[in-house]
Structures are given as C-alpha cells and as structure tokens.
Protein backbone atom coordinates (compact mmCIF):
# COMPACT_ATOMS: atom_id res chain seq x y z
CA VAL A 1 1.87 12.08 19.53
CA GLN A 2 -0.78 14.06 17.71
CA LEU A 3 -2.38 13.47 14.33
CA VAL A 4 -3.60 16.62 12.65
CA GLU A 5 -5.79 16.42 9.56
CA SER A 6 -6.24 19.22 7.08
CA GLY A 7 -7.61 19.79 3.61
CA GLY A 8 -11.31 19.31 4.17
CA GLY A 9 -13.90 21.72 2.88
CA LEU A 10 -16.93 22.27 0.70
CA VAL A 11 -16.77 21.15 -2.92
CA GLN A 12 -19.21 20.44 -5.70
CA ALA A 13 -19.84 17.01 -7.14
CA GLU A 14 -17.06 15.73 -9.44
CA GLU A 15 -14.50 18.05 -7.85
CA SER A 16 -11.41 16.91 -5.92
CA LEU A 17 -9.92 17.35 -2.48
CA ARG A 18 -6.67 16.20 -0.94
CA LEU A 19 -6.63 15.45 2.76
CA SER A 20 -3.40 15.48 4.73
CA CYS A 21 -2.58 13.93 8.11
CA ALA A 22 0.55 15.04 9.91
CA ALA A 23 1.93 12.78 12.65
CA SER A 24 3.47 15.19 15.09
CA GLY A 25 5.80 13.76 17.71
CA MET A 26 5.87 10.27 16.19
CA ILE A 27 9.27 8.69 15.72
CA LEU A 28 10.09 7.67 12.18
CA SER A 29 10.41 3.96 12.92
CA VAL A 30 6.87 3.85 14.31
CA PHE A 31 5.47 5.80 11.38
CA SER A 32 7.29 3.67 8.83
CA SER A 33 6.14 0.37 10.34
CA SER A 34 2.56 1.38 11.00
CA THR A 35 -0.74 0.75 9.32
CA LYS A 36 -2.25 3.97 8.03
CA ALA A 37 -5.91 4.47 7.31
CA TRP A 38 -8.59 7.00 6.55
CA TYR A 39 -12.07 6.60 7.99
CA ALA A 40 -15.27 8.45 7.18
CA GLN A 41 -18.21 9.09 9.47
CA ALA A 42 -21.33 10.40 7.79
CA PRO A 43 -24.10 12.02 9.85
CA GLY A 44 -26.00 9.40 11.79
CA LYS A 45 -23.75 6.58 10.63
CA GLN A 46 -20.90 4.57 12.06
CA ARG A 47 -17.31 5.39 11.30
CA GLU A 48 -16.02 3.18 8.49
CA VAL A 49 -12.66 2.67 6.84
CA VAL A 50 -12.39 4.00 3.29
CA ALA A 51 -8.68 3.44 2.60
CA GLN A 52 -5.98 1.50 4.38
CA MET A 53 -2.25 1.06 3.78
CA ALA A 54 -0.64 -1.81 5.66
CA SER A 55 2.93 -1.68 6.92
CA ASP A 56 4.01 -3.83 3.96
CA GLY A 57 2.46 -1.34 1.56
CA VAL A 58 -0.63 -3.37 0.67
CA ILE A 59 -3.54 -1.00 0.06
CA ASN A 60 -7.24 -1.65 0.30
CA TYR A 61 -10.18 0.58 -0.46
CA ALA A 62 -13.86 0.47 0.36
CA ASP A 63 -15.81 -0.56 -2.72
CA HIS A 64 -17.59 2.77 -3.06
CA VAL A 65 -14.32 4.75 -3.35
CA LYS A 66 -12.30 2.39 -5.54
CA GLY A 67 -10.99 4.17 -8.60
CA ARG A 68 -11.70 7.59 -7.06
CA PHE A 69 -9.68 7.78 -3.83
CA THR A 70 -5.95 7.21 -3.41
CA ILE A 71 -4.07 6.83 -0.12
CA SER A 72 -0.39 7.68 -0.04
CA LYS A 73 2.33 8.57 2.45
CA ASP A 74 5.49 10.58 2.83
CA ASN A 75 7.78 8.90 5.35
CA THR A 76 10.22 11.81 5.42
CA ARG A 77 7.52 14.25 6.47
CA LYS A 78 5.53 11.64 8.39
CA ARG A 79 2.35 12.48 6.53
CA VAL A 80 -0.51 10.45 5.13
CA PHE A 81 -2.66 11.71 2.28
CA LEU A 82 -6.04 10.92 0.81
CA GLN A 83 -6.63 12.16 -2.72
CA MET A 84 -10.36 12.22 -3.41
CA ASN A 85 -11.43 12.65 -7.03
CA SER A 86 -14.81 12.65 -8.73
CA GLN A 87 -16.48 13.26 -5.43
CA LYS A 88 -20.11 12.47 -4.82
CA PRO A 89 -22.60 13.94 -2.34
CA GLU A 90 -22.55 10.62 -0.50
CA ASP A 91 -18.85 11.20 0.27
CA THR A 92 -19.96 13.92 2.70
CA ALA A 93 -18.57 12.97 6.10
CA VAL A 94 -16.01 13.78 8.74
CA TYR A 95 -12.78 12.10 7.70
CA PHE A 96 -10.39 10.75 10.32
CA CYS A 97 -6.79 9.67 10.01
CA ARG A 98 -5.63 6.64 11.99
CA ILE A 99 -2.07 5.39 12.43
CA GLY A 100 -1.37 2.23 14.37
CA SER A 101 1.46 -0.16 15.05
CA SER A 102 0.97 -3.39 16.99
CA SER A 103 4.74 -3.76 17.22
CA TYR A 104 4.95 -0.54 19.21
CA GLY A 105 1.57 -0.74 20.90
CA ALA A 106 0.49 2.45 19.16
CA ASP A 107 -2.96 3.47 17.93
CA TYR A 108 -3.62 7.12 17.20
CA TRP A 109 -6.57 9.02 15.74
CA GLY A 110 -6.81 12.52 14.39
CA GLN A 111 -9.55 14.96 15.32
CA GLY A 112 -11.26 14.75 11.95
CA THR A 113 -11.83 17.12 9.06
CA GLN A 114 -15.21 17.86 7.49
CA VAL A 115 -15.75 17.14 3.82
CA THR A 116 -19.00 18.32 2.27
CA VAL A 117 -19.89 17.56 -1.34
CA SER A 118 -22.82 19.44 -2.84
CA SER A 119 -24.79 18.21 -5.82
C-alpha cells in the first residue's frame, strides 16, 4: 500500500489549494472502514492533525482551520482530499495524508506535499 499526496504548491494569502491523497494498492473495504486524516508539519514544529474523518463519517478540524479547510473522500477512487480556502501564511507546512484502520491493523502515511503561503 502506498499513499501519494499531490496538489501542494506556492500560493498567496487568501488563495486556495486542493490536496489529494491516492491510496494505491489498498483494498476498498479497508479504505471504506478507515479513519482518514490530514496532518501539517511546519518548520521546526511537531506534526499535528488539521482534519480527520472517522470511519463513521464524523469530521473534526483543528480550531485554526475551521471554516476554511474541508476534508472529503471518494471511495470509488480511494482518494482523500483537503480543500484549503482563504489560506494564511501560517498554513505553510508539509501536509501528510494518513489512513488507518484498527480493524485491519493498518496505518499508512504519505510522503508529504509542501504548501507555502506567501503574504
């Protein structure tokens, strides 16, 4: 199984980006039953969760992205997305996709994609 993120880049403040995470080699039942999350790691800081979608569909966001970021999924294509609107310079970080399922003993991370927001 491999998670491959894409969609990062350099944007100006208030612009938008959409990150995508493709779960290659993951069977559909694992993807469908898993918890999906996006983490951000800013320079010199610890990796922290910014958006999480539980297997039952319950979604939680970090306070500083509420109202601006949206996590979603496409089961058919086994992809997870992070729509980031009204971006701020403090959103600058490497963003990682994580998909895990305790039922299947699975916990996978992507390699990360850089997002840089200029003021």
